């Protein structure tokens, strides 16, 4: 199943019993399915049917439908009730015999007399069938439009995943040397600052002081270790790829995963004890924010 954007556009038209119906559909992103229908007056009867069709076919997006009707000029919209027209003519003759000054009925008067014009209303079931067929055509084109957009967004997200994976992998390779350098510097500073004081004012031997310093350095190294955060970031990257491959309505799931990715990047930044770690955390946050913006457009 393909990944779909919430942005799309399509137009379709078809002849119906009422005339030619033209439907335009456009949508932008929204947290939920938000339908706005702008229908020609003669198509108002079909609004419940149209809403039902759209709700079954679409999951999210602010969708606007515009439907217009062009009557068929060659179709006879109505017939004349000849029997009633003959009775009116007979009644008019009778009235004029009694009241010679009475005005004769005009064609307009006759046509506006209730019952003279009989509308040839199309069969309701047939109309609904025609509207369903028209919207099936419209939605095929509309979904194809959204899938093209969704495919482009998915490619961008996969590129972002590759970037995150590259930055995390590079930091993983550099991390042992970074931590070893920091630990060495910290150990030297602690030894210089504390060795003399502790050996002069306590019963501890120099070896015990050195061991205590090493313990403190080890605890500090544990606190700034980000291996767990990096592994989780890689796990989230794999999950994003899996969701995109599965397809369908992926927007909400991806939004949650990206929130977790941002949390790990923030933790990485808070634990950063070297400029390389800080730079990586900032770069990751930029890429993750780019992903979040793109995901807002996915269904």
Protein backbone atom coordinates (compact mmCIF):
# COMPACT_ATOMS: atom_id res chain seq x y z
CA UNK A 1 0.00 0.00 0.00
CA UNK A 2 1.38 3.38 -1.01
CA UNK A 3 2.06 6.29 1.32
CA UNK A 4 -0.30 9.21 0.68
CA UNK A 5 0.04 12.92 1.27
CA UNK A 6 -2.91 14.90 2.58
CA UNK A 7 -2.33 17.40 -0.22
CA UNK A 8 -4.09 16.55 -3.47
CA UNK A 9 -6.26 17.80 -6.31
CA UNK A 10 -8.55 16.22 -8.89
CA UNK A 11 -11.49 17.09 -11.10
CA UNK A 12 -13.99 14.86 -12.91
CA UNK A 13 -17.24 15.29 -14.82
CA UNK A 14 -19.94 12.98 -16.18
CA UNK A 15 -23.43 13.18 -17.67
CA UNK A 16 -26.33 12.40 -15.33
CA UNK A 17 -30.08 12.51 -15.45
CA UNK A 18 -29.90 16.13 -14.24
CA UNK A 19 -27.24 17.22 -16.74
CA UNK A 20 -23.44 17.24 -16.69
CA UNK A 21 -22.06 17.22 -13.13
CA UNK A 22 -18.50 18.51 -12.62
CA UNK A 23 -16.80 17.79 -9.29
CA UNK A 24 -13.58 19.38 -8.05
CA UNK A 25 -11.73 17.98 -5.04
CA UNK A 26 -8.80 19.58 -3.22
CA UNK A 27 -7.25 18.92 0.18
CA UNK A 28 -4.54 20.09 2.58
CA UNK A 29 -3.22 18.64 5.82
CA UNK A 30 -5.36 18.34 8.94
CA UNK A 31 -5.23 16.23 12.09
CA UNK A 32 -8.61 14.70 11.24
CA UNK A 33 -10.92 14.31 8.24
CA UNK A 34 -12.56 17.70 7.75
CA UNK A 35 -15.09 17.76 4.87
CA UNK A 36 -16.50 20.91 3.26
CA UNK A 37 -19.10 20.41 0.52
CA UNK A 38 -20.16 23.21 -1.82
CA UNK A 39 -22.87 21.74 -4.04
CA UNK A 40 -25.14 23.21 -6.69
CA UNK A 41 -28.69 23.57 -5.39
CA UNK A 42 -30.00 20.72 -7.56
CA UNK A 43 -27.32 18.41 -6.08
CA UNK A 44 -28.07 19.10 -2.41
CA UNK A 45 -30.05 15.88 -2.16
CA UNK A 46 -26.82 13.92 -2.70
CA UNK A 47 -24.86 15.47 0.20
CA UNK A 48 -25.36 12.53 2.65
CA UNK A 49 -24.34 10.09 -0.08
CA UNK A 50 -21.23 12.11 -0.98
CA UNK A 51 -20.16 12.38 2.67
CA UNK A 52 -20.57 8.63 3.08
CA UNK A 53 -18.40 7.94 0.02
CA UNK A 54 -15.64 10.32 1.18
CA UNK A 55 -15.60 9.09 4.78
CA UNK A 56 -15.13 5.51 3.60
CA UNK A 57 -12.33 6.44 1.22
CA UNK A 58 -10.28 9.09 3.10
CA UNK A 59 -8.71 9.02 6.57
CA UNK A 60 -7.32 12.52 7.15
CA UNK A 61 -7.12 15.94 5.55
CA UNK A 62 -9.10 19.14 5.13
CA UNK A 63 -11.05 18.22 2.00
CA UNK A 64 -13.15 20.63 -0.05
CA UNK A 65 -15.62 19.40 -2.68
CA UNK A 66 -17.18 21.73 -5.26
CA UNK A 67 -19.90 20.28 -7.49
CA UNK A 68 -21.57 22.22 -10.31
CA UNK A 69 -24.37 21.24 -12.67
CA UNK A 70 -24.73 22.14 -16.36
CA UNK A 71 -28.25 21.26 -17.59
CA UNK A 72 -28.53 19.39 -20.87
CA UNK A 73 -30.05 21.88 -23.30
CA UNK A 74 -31.06 19.11 -25.71
CA UNK A 75 -33.01 17.20 -23.10
CA UNK A 76 -36.69 17.93 -22.62
CA UNK A 77 -36.86 18.96 -18.98
CA UNK A 78 -40.64 18.67 -18.77
CA UNK A 79 -43.88 17.86 -20.60
CA UNK A 80 -47.17 19.72 -20.93
CA UNK A 81 -50.36 18.43 -19.35
CA UNK A 82 -52.51 18.74 -22.47
CA UNK A 83 -55.73 17.75 -20.75
CA UNK A 84 -55.34 20.47 -18.13
CA UNK A 85 -54.35 22.99 -20.81
CA UNK A 86 -57.54 22.17 -22.80
CA UNK A 87 -59.67 22.64 -19.67
CA UNK A 88 -58.03 26.02 -19.00
CA UNK A 89 -58.74 27.09 -22.59
CA UNK A 90 -62.36 26.02 -22.23
CA UNK A 91 -62.66 27.86 -18.93
CA UNK A 92 -61.13 30.97 -20.50
CA UNK A 93 -63.73 30.92 -23.31
CA UNK A 94 -66.52 30.61 -20.76
CA UNK A 95 -65.17 33.51 -18.70
CA UNK A 96 -64.83 35.77 -21.76
CA UNK A 97 -68.36 35.00 -22.88
CA UNK A 98 -69.56 36.32 -19.54
CA UNK A 99 -66.91 39.04 -19.18
CA UNK A 100 -65.77 40.09 -22.68
CA UNK A 101 -63.33 42.62 -21.25
CA UNK A 102 -61.35 39.94 -19.35
CA UNK A 103 -57.74 39.63 -20.44
CA UNK A 104 -56.68 36.48 -22.26
CA UNK A 105 -54.21 34.16 -20.56
CA UNK A 106 -50.66 34.48 -21.91
CA UNK A 107 -48.29 31.59 -22.55
CA UNK A 108 -46.41 32.60 -19.41
CA UNK A 109 -49.62 32.53 -17.39
CA UNK A 110 -50.42 29.07 -18.65
CA UNK A 111 -46.92 27.68 -18.03
CA UNK A 112 -46.95 29.00 -14.47
CA UNK A 113 -50.30 27.48 -13.68
CA UNK A 114 -49.76 24.59 -11.25
CA UNK A 115 -50.03 21.24 -12.96
CA UNK A 116 -49.58 22.45 -16.55
CA UNK A 117 -45.85 21.73 -16.65
CA UNK A 118 -44.95 18.19 -15.58
CA UNK A 119 -41.29 17.81 -14.62
CA UNK A 120 -39.55 14.71 -15.89
CA UNK A 121 -37.62 14.09 -12.67
CA UNK A 122 -34.92 11.46 -13.14
CA UNK A 123 -35.07 8.21 -11.20
CA UNK A 124 -33.48 8.73 -7.76
CA UNK A 125 -31.77 5.33 -7.67
CA UNK A 126 -30.30 5.90 -11.12
CA UNK A 127 -29.03 9.34 -10.06
CA UNK A 128 -27.31 7.89 -7.00
CA UNK A 129 -25.71 5.23 -9.18
CA UNK A 130 -24.39 7.92 -11.56
CA UNK A 131 -23.05 10.00 -8.67
CA UNK A 132 -21.29 6.97 -7.16
CA UNK A 133 -19.65 6.27 -10.51
CA UNK A 134 -18.58 9.90 -10.86
CA UNK A 135 -17.02 9.97 -7.38
CA UNK A 136 -15.28 6.65 -7.99
CA UNK A 137 -13.64 8.27 -11.02
CA UNK A 138 -12.83 11.42 -9.01
CA UNK A 139 -11.34 9.55 -6.05
CA UNK A 140 -9.15 7.37 -8.28
CA UNK A 141 -7.58 10.52 -9.72
CA UNK A 142 -7.48 12.23 -6.32
CA UNK A 143 -5.79 9.29 -4.58
CA UNK A 144 -3.26 9.01 -7.39
CA UNK A 145 -2.44 12.69 -6.87
CA UNK A 146 -1.99 12.19 -3.12
CA UNK A 147 0.10 9.06 -3.64
CA UNK A 148 2.48 10.88 -6.00
CA UNK A 149 2.95 13.58 -3.39
CA UNK A 150 3.25 10.96 -0.65
CA UNK A 151 5.92 9.07 -2.59
CA UNK A 152 7.99 12.24 -2.89
CA UNK A 153 7.64 12.90 0.86
CA UNK A 154 8.60 9.29 1.65
CA UNK A 155 11.79 9.69 -0.40
CA UNK A 156 12.66 12.81 1.59
CA UNK A 157 12.07 10.98 4.89
CA UNK A 158 14.24 8.06 3.80
CA UNK A 159 17.01 10.52 2.93
CA UNK A 160 16.61 12.02 6.42
CA UNK A 161 16.87 8.52 7.90
CA UNK A 162 20.12 7.95 6.02
CA UNK A 163 21.48 11.24 7.37
CA UNK A 164 20.59 10.35 10.97
CA UNK A 165 22.10 6.90 10.60
CA UNK A 166 25.29 8.38 9.15
CA UNK A 167 25.71 10.95 11.95
CA UNK A 168 25.00 8.40 14.69
CA UNK A 169 27.31 5.79 13.18
CA UNK A 170 30.13 8.31 12.84
CA UNK A 171 29.73 9.35 16.48
CA UNK A 172 29.69 5.72 17.58
CA UNK A 173 33.03 5.20 15.88
CA UNK A 174 34.52 8.31 17.47
CA UNK A 175 32.98 7.89 20.90
CA UNK A 176 35.54 5.50 22.48
CA UNK A 177 38.41 7.85 21.63
CA UNK A 178 36.39 10.88 22.79
CA UNK A 179 35.53 9.28 26.13
CA UNK A 180 39.08 8.02 26.65
CA UNK A 181 40.45 11.51 26.02
CA UNK A 182 37.95 13.12 28.40
CA UNK A 183 38.60 10.54 31.09
CA UNK A 184 42.34 11.00 30.78
CA UNK A 185 42.10 14.79 31.08
CA UNK A 186 39.68 14.55 34.01
CA UNK A 187 41.85 12.02 35.79
CA UNK A 188 44.93 14.24 35.42
CA UNK A 189 43.09 17.28 36.77
CA UNK A 190 41.70 15.40 39.76
CA UNK A 191 45.07 13.95 40.59
CA UNK A 192 46.71 17.36 40.41
CA UNK A 193 44.00 19.01 42.50
CA UNK A 194 43.34 16.35 45.13
CA UNK A 195 46.31 14.10 45.54
CA UNK A 196 48.33 16.51 47.66
CA UNK A 197 45.39 17.59 49.82
CA UNK A 198 44.06 14.11 50.50
CA UNK A 199 47.43 12.54 51.30
CA UNK A 200 48.39 15.43 53.58
CA UNK A 201 45.16 15.59 55.59
CA UNK A 202 43.99 11.99 55.69
CA UNK A 203 45.28 8.53 56.41
CA UNK A 204 44.66 7.40 52.81
CA UNK A 205 47.63 6.18 50.85
CA UNK A 206 48.45 7.61 47.44
CA UNK A 207 47.29 4.41 45.79
CA UNK A 208 43.94 4.63 47.56
CA UNK A 209 43.56 8.25 46.49
CA UNK A 210 44.32 7.33 42.88
CA UNK A 211 41.79 4.50 43.05
CA UNK A 212 39.16 6.85 44.45
CA UNK A 213 39.83 9.33 41.64
CA UNK A 214 39.48 6.57 39.07
CA UNK A 215 36.14 5.57 40.58
CA UNK A 216 34.88 9.15 40.29
CA UNK A 217 36.09 9.33 36.70
CA UNK A 218 34.34 6.06 35.90
CA UNK A 219 31.06 7.30 37.38
CA UNK A 220 31.35 10.48 35.34
CA UNK A 221 31.99 8.42 32.21
CA UNK A 222 28.87 6.36 32.90
CA UNK A 223 26.78 9.51 33.25
CA UNK A 224 27.94 10.89 29.90
CA UNK A 225 27.75 7.58 28.01
CA UNK A 226 25.26 8.00 25.11
CA UNK A 227 25.51 4.55 23.55
CA UNK A 228 21.98 3.70 24.66
CA UNK A 229 20.54 6.88 23.11
CA UNK A 230 22.34 6.26 19.84
CA UNK A 231 21.12 2.67 19.67
CA UNK A 232 17.55 3.83 20.24
CA UNK A 233 17.91 6.43 17.49
CA UNK A 234 19.00 3.70 15.08
CA UNK A 235 16.05 1.57 16.21
CA UNK A 236 13.67 4.47 15.51
CA UNK A 237 15.23 4.97 12.08
CA UNK A 238 14.56 1.31 11.31
CA UNK A 239 10.95 1.74 12.48
CA UNK A 240 10.43 4.76 10.21
CA UNK A 241 11.65 2.72 7.24
CA UNK A 242 9.38 -0.18 8.20
CA UNK A 243 6.32 2.07 8.49
CA UNK A 244 7.02 3.73 5.13
CA UNK A 245 7.46 0.33 3.50
CA UNK A 246 4.15 -0.89 4.97
CA UNK A 247 2.36 2.21 3.66
CA UNK A 248 -1.22 3.25 4.22
CA UNK A 249 -2.21 5.90 6.77
CA UNK A 250 1.21 6.37 8.39
CA UNK A 251 1.12 10.00 9.54
CA UNK A 252 0.18 9.50 13.19
CA UNK A 253 2.55 6.56 13.69
CA UNK A 254 5.47 8.44 12.18
CA UNK A 255 4.65 11.52 14.23
CA UNK A 256 4.98 9.46 17.43
CA UNK A 257 8.27 7.87 16.35
CA UNK A 258 9.77 11.26 15.45
CA UNK A 259 8.78 12.60 18.88
CA UNK A 260 10.78 9.75 20.43
CA UNK A 261 13.71 10.48 18.12
CA UNK A 262 13.69 14.10 19.23
CA UNK A 263 13.67 12.98 22.87
CA UNK A 264 16.80 10.85 22.30
CA UNK A 265 18.54 13.71 20.48
CA UNK A 266 17.77 16.03 23.41
CA UNK A 267 19.23 13.51 25.87
CA UNK A 268 22.30 13.15 23.70
CA UNK A 269 22.74 16.92 23.76
CA UNK A 270 22.30 17.14 27.54
CA UNK A 271 24.96 14.47 28.08
CA UNK A 272 27.39 15.97 25.57
CA UNK A 273 30.84 16.38 27.11
CA UNK A 274 32.69 17.14 23.88
CA UNK A 275 32.13 19.45 20.93
CA UNK A 276 31.73 16.44 18.61
CA UNK A 277 28.81 15.17 20.68
CA UNK A 278 27.20 18.61 20.85
CA UNK A 279 27.51 19.13 17.10
CA UNK A 280 26.01 15.72 16.39
CA UNK A 281 23.08 16.36 18.74
CA UNK A 282 22.34 19.72 17.10
CA UNK A 283 22.57 18.25 13.60
CA UNK A 284 20.24 15.42 14.57
CA UNK A 285 17.68 17.85 15.97
CA UNK A 286 17.70 19.84 12.71
CA UNK A 287 17.15 16.70 10.61
CA UNK A 288 14.45 15.39 12.95
CA UNK A 289 12.61 18.72 12.79
CA UNK A 290 12.75 18.52 8.98
CA UNK A 291 11.18 15.07 9.22
CA UNK A 292 8.47 16.29 11.57
CA UNK A 293 7.48 19.05 9.14
CA UNK A 294 7.21 16.59 6.25
CA UNK A 295 5.25 14.07 8.30
CA UNK A 296 2.59 16.69 9.07
CA UNK A 297 1.56 16.38 5.38
CA UNK A 298 1.19 12.59 5.38
CA UNK A 299 -2.19 10.91 5.72
